[in-house]
Amino acid sequence: MDLDSGTLRAFVTVADEGHFGRAAERLVISQQAISKRINRLESQLGVSLFDRSLRNVRITETGRRLLPLARQAVDTADALAVEAAKNAGPLRIDVLDDHLSSMLIARGVAQRGDVVVEARTRTDHHDALEALRTTDVDIALGRAGAVTGPWPADLRRRVVLLEPIRLLVGARHPLAGRDAVPMADLRDARLWFPMTGAPREWIDLVDELCADFGLTVDRTGSTLGLEYFLGRLADDPGLGTLFGGAMAAPGPGLAVVPIVDPVPVFAWWAMWRRRVPDSRVQAVQDAASRLYGVPLEAAGDTWMPAADRARL
């Protein structure tokens, strides 16, 4: 009997999801295609794997007995692909947006010199799950909390950087000389962060931050390029914005002020499919560790979106 890994993977995925439609979405194939794979496997084995008489499919007793063996076979196939991929081909990293600290992580991996790095950016209506499932991306950087629902069994994740969000103002701003500014003091501040073209993961974070602490952020317009954006801040002594603490220091005429009580953070996660070698994930972790961030053990003293904290 010659069983292919595709039919076994379909069996394992339907068993995990308990639903043909969700299993099809996870494997990025049609529901008809996954049904055909299950039917073919049942025909080859001469057994019934699922009871389809219910609204959600239920695995049969025979299917439950065979599931560990099928899962082991799928894991072996994945391990074979991982071993073959070691040090072969470029590492494709989705950095969410090329103006964020995630690009610094990708550059840090490239500077090692032992792997070619290709940086990709996902559009504002895609999350990391879509990027990993529908493109050739190996590792996606971003907020794990932006992936809704239970965490997919075929994806792995790891926090690589808790980046503090800071206040960026012109040198003549009243808060420019402060060692730190409490979150409560920002309720009356003029904050501007144009959201045209901004990643959805960042927009949602700002929405939740404003709701939790009563902040108001002017989202109108576009940055019109980083140079113009920073120039507006430098020229307006009453204007401020939110700025990633791991990003390179801005030019003259600007000041970066830490925000405290609590410290807001953007939790950067590496998210990847199991076929990606551990050595490549570790390279991303090492690059992120060289950037300025809050220690993971201090995460309890920070603010982050509730969905991200739940992923911790």
Protein backbone atom coordinates (compact mmCIF):
# COMPACT_ATOMS: atom_id res chain seq x y z
CA MET A 1 0.00 0.00 0.00
CA ASP A 2 1.43 3.36 -1.07
CA LEU A 3 0.10 6.22 1.10
CA ASP A 4 1.06 9.78 0.22
CA SER A 5 1.69 12.44 2.85
CA GLY A 6 -1.03 14.70 1.41
CA THR A 7 -3.84 12.32 2.29
CA LEU A 8 -2.35 11.64 5.73
CA ARG A 9 -2.01 15.39 6.35
CA ALA A 10 -5.65 15.85 5.39
CA PHE A 11 -6.65 13.16 7.90
CA VAL A 12 -4.62 14.75 10.71
CA THR A 13 -5.89 18.25 9.94
CA VAL A 14 -9.58 17.26 9.84
CA ALA A 15 -9.06 15.39 13.12
CA ASP A 16 -7.47 18.50 14.67
CA GLU A 17 -10.15 20.90 13.41
CA GLY A 18 -13.21 18.64 13.68
CA HIS A 19 -14.52 20.37 10.57
CA PHE A 20 -13.86 19.88 6.86
CA GLY A 21 -14.19 23.58 6.01
CA ARG A 22 -11.71 24.77 8.64
CA ALA A 23 -9.30 22.00 7.69
CA ALA A 24 -9.50 23.07 4.06
CA GLU A 25 -8.77 26.69 5.00
CA ARG A 26 -5.76 25.61 7.03
CA LEU A 27 -4.34 23.59 4.13
CA VAL A 28 -5.31 26.30 1.59
CA ILE A 29 -7.29 23.87 -0.56
CA SER A 30 -10.99 23.52 -1.36
CA GLN A 31 -13.38 21.62 0.89
CA GLN A 32 -14.11 19.33 -2.05
CA ALA A 33 -10.40 18.53 -2.41
CA ILE A 34 -9.98 17.64 1.24
CA SER A 35 -13.09 15.45 1.14
CA LYS A 36 -11.63 13.59 -1.84
CA ARG A 37 -8.38 13.01 0.04
CA ILE A 38 -10.20 11.58 3.05
CA ASN A 39 -12.35 9.37 0.82
CA ARG A 40 -9.25 8.11 -0.98
CA LEU A 41 -7.48 7.32 2.29
CA GLU A 42 -10.54 5.51 3.67
CA SER A 43 -10.75 3.51 0.44
CA GLN A 44 -7.06 2.59 0.60
CA LEU A 45 -7.27 1.54 4.25
CA GLY A 46 -10.69 -0.09 3.97
CA VAL A 47 -11.97 1.67 7.08
CA SER A 48 -14.15 4.62 8.04
CA LEU A 49 -12.15 7.43 9.67
CA PHE A 50 -14.92 9.95 10.39
CA ASP A 51 -18.60 9.91 11.27
CA ARG A 52 -20.15 12.48 8.92
CA SER A 53 -23.69 12.21 10.26
CA LEU A 54 -23.19 15.11 12.67
CA ARG A 55 -22.89 18.85 12.06
CA ASN A 56 -19.20 18.66 12.95
CA VAL A 57 -17.41 15.52 11.83
CA ARG A 58 -16.37 13.16 14.58
CA ILE A 59 -13.45 10.80 14.36
CA THR A 60 -14.35 7.11 14.60
CA GLU A 61 -12.80 4.73 17.08
CA THR A 62 -10.70 3.26 14.26
CA GLY A 63 -9.64 6.73 13.17
CA ARG A 64 -8.63 7.58 16.74
CA ARG A 65 -6.48 4.44 16.87
CA LEU A 66 -4.76 5.27 13.56
CA LEU A 67 -4.32 9.01 14.22
CA PRO A 68 -1.03 8.79 16.21
CA LEU A 69 0.58 6.80 13.40
CA ALA A 70 -0.65 9.24 10.76
CA ARG A 71 0.60 12.18 12.81
CA GLN A 72 4.00 10.51 13.16
CA ALA A 73 4.18 9.98 9.40
CA VAL A 74 3.33 13.63 8.72
CA ASP A 75 5.92 14.78 11.28
CA THR A 76 8.53 12.57 9.60
CA ALA A 77 7.73 14.10 6.20
CA ASP A 78 8.03 17.60 7.69
CA ALA A 79 11.32 16.71 9.38
CA LEU A 80 12.65 15.47 6.04
CA ALA A 81 11.71 18.79 4.41
CA VAL A 82 13.34 20.73 7.27
CA GLU A 83 16.58 18.77 6.97
CA ALA A 84 16.66 19.27 3.21
CA ALA A 85 16.07 23.01 3.63
CA LYS A 86 18.96 23.59 6.03
CA ASN A 87 21.29 26.26 4.63
CA ALA A 88 19.53 25.92 1.27
CA GLY A 89 17.88 28.84 -0.48
CA PRO A 90 17.05 32.33 0.81
CA LEU A 91 15.29 33.04 4.07
CA ARG A 92 12.10 34.93 3.23
CA ILE A 93 11.03 37.17 6.13
CA ASP A 94 7.77 39.11 6.13
CA VAL A 95 8.62 42.28 8.06
CA LEU A 96 5.05 43.69 8.08
CA ASP A 97 6.28 47.14 6.96
CA ASP A 98 9.74 48.19 5.84
CA HIS A 99 9.79 51.30 8.09
CA LEU A 100 9.46 49.32 11.33
CA SER A 101 11.99 47.68 13.63
CA SER A 102 11.25 44.33 12.02
CA MET A 103 13.34 45.46 9.05
CA LEU A 104 16.26 45.96 11.45
CA ILE A 105 15.79 42.34 12.55
CA ALA A 106 15.91 41.15 8.94
CA ARG A 107 19.06 43.22 8.32
CA GLY A 108 20.65 41.73 11.43
CA VAL A 109 20.09 38.23 10.06
CA ALA A 110 21.54 39.25 6.69
CA GLN A 111 24.66 40.67 8.37
CA ARG A 112 25.57 37.18 9.62
CA GLY A 113 26.59 36.40 6.06
CA ASP A 114 25.60 32.73 6.16
CA VAL A 115 22.14 33.09 4.63
CA VAL A 116 20.58 35.25 1.94
CA VAL A 117 17.63 37.21 3.35
CA GLU A 118 14.67 38.39 1.31
CA ALA A 119 12.37 40.88 3.06
CA ARG A 120 8.67 40.99 2.15
CA THR A 121 5.86 43.25 3.38
CA ARG A 122 2.25 42.20 3.73
CA THR A 123 -0.64 44.46 2.85
CA ASP A 124 -2.76 46.09 5.56
CA HIS A 125 -5.58 43.53 5.12
CA HIS A 126 -3.37 40.47 5.60
CA ASP A 127 -2.26 38.99 8.89
CA ALA A 128 0.73 36.74 9.46
CA LEU A 129 -1.41 33.62 9.06
CA GLU A 130 -2.43 34.60 5.53
CA ALA A 131 1.14 35.51 4.65
CA LEU A 132 2.42 32.11 5.77
CA ARG A 133 -0.39 30.11 4.20
CA THR A 134 -0.73 31.85 0.83
CA THR A 135 2.81 33.01 -0.03
CA ASP A 136 6.32 31.59 0.03
CA VAL A 137 7.19 33.44 3.26
CA ASP A 138 9.25 31.38 5.73
CA ILE A 139 8.97 33.56 8.85
CA ALA A 140 6.48 36.37 9.50
CA LEU A 141 7.20 39.08 12.06
CA GLY A 142 4.31 40.86 13.73
CA ARG A 143 1.66 40.57 16.41
CA ALA A 144 0.57 37.02 17.20
CA GLY A 145 -2.53 38.51 18.79
CA ALA A 146 -3.66 39.72 15.38
CA VAL A 147 -4.22 36.06 14.40
CA THR A 148 -7.77 35.45 15.58
CA GLY A 149 -9.15 32.24 17.01
CA PRO A 150 -7.26 29.27 18.44
CA TRP A 151 -3.62 29.14 17.42
CA PRO A 152 -3.21 26.91 14.33
CA ALA A 153 -1.58 23.58 15.13
CA ASP A 154 0.66 23.76 12.05
CA LEU A 155 2.28 27.09 13.00
CA ARG A 156 4.82 27.89 15.65
CA ARG A 157 5.47 31.21 17.35
CA ARG A 158 8.00 32.89 19.62
CA VAL A 159 8.27 36.36 21.15
CA VAL A 160 11.52 37.85 19.84
CA LEU A 161 11.24 41.50 20.95
CA LEU A 162 9.12 43.57 23.33
CA GLU A 163 9.71 46.95 21.74
CA PRO A 164 8.79 49.92 23.98
CA ILE A 165 6.63 52.54 22.30
CA ARG A 166 7.97 56.02 23.00
CA LEU A 167 6.95 59.61 22.47
CA LEU A 168 8.67 61.46 19.62
CA VAL A 169 8.48 65.27 19.73
CA GLY A 170 10.32 68.31 18.44
CA ALA A 171 13.15 69.73 20.55
CA ARG A 172 10.97 72.74 21.49
CA HIS A 173 8.07 70.61 22.73
CA PRO A 174 7.22 71.08 26.45
CA LEU A 175 7.84 67.36 27.08
CA ALA A 176 11.13 67.19 25.18
CA GLY A 177 13.31 67.61 28.24
CA ARG A 178 11.53 65.05 30.43
CA ASP A 179 13.30 61.85 31.48
CA ALA A 180 9.97 60.07 31.04
CA VAL A 181 6.30 60.93 30.62
CA PRO A 182 3.51 59.02 32.44
CA MET A 183 0.80 57.63 30.20
CA ALA A 184 -1.79 59.78 31.98
CA ASP A 185 0.04 62.96 30.86
CA LEU A 186 -0.59 62.06 27.23
CA ARG A 187 -4.37 62.41 27.52
CA ASP A 188 -4.15 66.12 26.70
CA ALA A 189 -1.25 65.83 24.27
CA ARG A 190 -1.60 66.54 20.53
CA LEU A 191 -0.63 63.25 18.95
CA TRP A 192 -0.44 62.75 15.19
CA PHE A 193 0.06 59.42 13.48
CA PRO A 194 -1.27 59.32 9.91
CA MET A 195 -2.77 55.90 9.25
CA THR A 196 -3.09 55.97 5.47
CA GLY A 197 -1.32 52.82 4.33
CA ALA A 198 -0.33 51.84 7.88
CA PRO A 199 -0.34 48.10 8.72
CA ARG A 200 -3.58 46.87 10.28
CA GLU A 201 -1.64 45.34 13.18
CA TRP A 202 -0.31 48.78 14.14
CA ILE A 203 -3.68 50.52 13.63
CA ASP A 204 -5.43 48.03 15.91
CA LEU A 205 -2.75 48.45 18.58
CA VAL A 206 -3.16 52.25 18.55
CA ASP A 207 -6.96 51.89 18.70
CA GLU A 208 -6.72 49.72 21.81
CA LEU A 209 -4.11 51.95 23.43
CA CYS A 210 -6.30 55.02 22.96
CA ALA A 211 -9.38 53.21 24.29
CA ASP A 212 -7.56 51.93 27.39
CA PHE A 213 -5.99 55.26 28.39
CA GLY A 214 -8.25 57.92 26.90
CA LEU A 215 -5.71 59.15 24.34
CA THR A 216 -6.59 60.97 21.15
CA VAL A 217 -4.50 60.45 18.01
CA ASP A 218 -5.01 62.45 14.82
CA ARG A 219 -4.89 59.78 12.09
CA THR A 220 -5.55 61.98 9.09
CA GLY A 221 -3.27 62.32 6.10
CA SER A 222 -0.14 60.42 5.17
CA THR A 223 3.46 60.65 6.30
CA LEU A 224 4.40 61.75 2.75
CA GLY A 225 7.77 60.16 3.40
CA LEU A 226 9.74 59.82 6.60
CA GLU A 227 11.75 63.01 6.04
CA TYR A 228 8.60 65.12 5.68
CA PHE A 229 6.95 63.43 8.65
CA LEU A 230 9.90 64.12 10.95
CA GLY A 231 10.15 67.66 9.65
CA ARG A 232 6.54 68.36 10.62
CA LEU A 233 7.26 67.17 14.15
CA ALA A 234 10.44 69.24 14.44
CA ASP A 235 8.69 72.40 13.23
CA ASP A 236 5.57 72.14 15.43
CA PRO A 237 6.43 72.59 19.15
CA GLY A 238 3.04 71.23 20.26
CA LEU A 239 2.94 68.05 18.18
CA GLY A 240 4.01 64.53 19.11
CA THR A 241 3.78 61.00 17.78
CA LEU A 242 4.40 57.40 18.82
CA PHE A 243 7.77 55.91 17.95
CA GLY A 244 9.35 52.47 18.24
CA GLY A 245 12.04 52.45 20.89
CA ALA A 246 14.23 50.00 18.95
CA MET A 247 14.29 52.15 15.84
CA ALA A 248 17.28 54.26 14.89
CA ALA A 249 17.43 57.65 16.65
CA PRO A 250 15.87 60.43 14.56
CA GLY A 251 17.84 63.39 13.32
CA PRO A 252 18.52 66.76 15.00
CA GLY A 253 15.65 68.88 16.24
CA LEU A 254 13.78 65.89 17.68
CA ALA A 255 13.60 64.17 21.06
CA VAL A 256 12.53 60.66 22.06
CA VAL A 257 10.90 60.47 25.50
CA PRO A 258 10.14 57.16 27.28
CA ILE A 259 6.49 56.53 28.23
CA VAL A 260 5.92 54.97 31.66
CA ASP A 261 3.14 53.92 34.05
CA PRO A 262 2.81 51.64 32.16
CA VAL A 263 5.36 51.17 29.40
CA PRO A 264 3.46 50.38 26.18
CA VAL A 265 5.13 47.76 23.99
CA PHE A 266 4.74 46.32 20.52
CA ALA A 267 5.28 42.59 21.02
CA TRP A 268 7.15 41.30 17.98
CA TRP A 269 6.63 37.59 17.39
CA ALA A 270 8.33 35.33 14.92
CA MET A 271 5.71 33.03 13.39
CA TRP A 272 6.64 30.19 11.08
CA ARG A 273 5.61 26.87 9.61
CA ARG A 274 7.22 23.72 10.99
CA ARG A 275 9.28 23.16 7.85
CA VAL A 276 11.55 26.11 8.75
CA PRO A 277 14.79 24.88 10.39
CA ASP A 278 15.28 25.84 14.04
CA SER A 279 18.65 27.38 13.15
CA ARG A 280 16.96 29.99 10.96
CA VAL A 281 14.42 30.87 13.64
CA GLN A 282 17.28 31.22 16.12
CA ALA A 283 19.05 33.59 13.71
CA VAL A 284 15.98 35.84 13.81
CA GLN A 285 15.90 35.62 17.61
CA ASP A 286 19.59 36.52 17.86
CA ALA A 287 19.16 39.54 15.57
CA ALA A 288 16.16 40.78 17.56
CA SER A 289 18.06 40.34 20.83
CA ARG A 290 20.58 42.95 19.70
CA LEU A 291 17.85 45.61 19.52
CA TYR A 292 16.59 47.62 22.49
CA GLY A 293 13.66 45.94 24.17
CA VAL A 294 11.96 45.19 27.46
CA PRO A 295 13.07 41.86 29.02
CA LEU A 296 10.43 39.18 28.63
CA GLU A 297 10.38 38.60 32.38
CA ALA A 298 9.20 42.22 32.78
CA ALA A 299 6.27 41.80 30.37
CA GLY A 300 3.82 41.84 33.28
CA ASP A 301 4.68 45.47 33.99
CA THR A 302 3.98 46.62 30.44
CA TRP A 303 0.91 47.39 28.36
CA MET A 304 0.20 45.47 25.19
CA PRO A 305 -3.02 44.54 23.38
CA ALA A 306 -5.04 42.00 25.33
CA ALA A 307 -4.87 39.46 22.49
CA ASP A 308 -1.07 39.60 22.48
CA ARG A 309 -0.90 39.13 26.24
CA ALA A 310 -3.20 36.13 25.92
CA ARG A 311 -0.72 34.57 23.46
CA LEU A 312 2.03 34.83 26.09
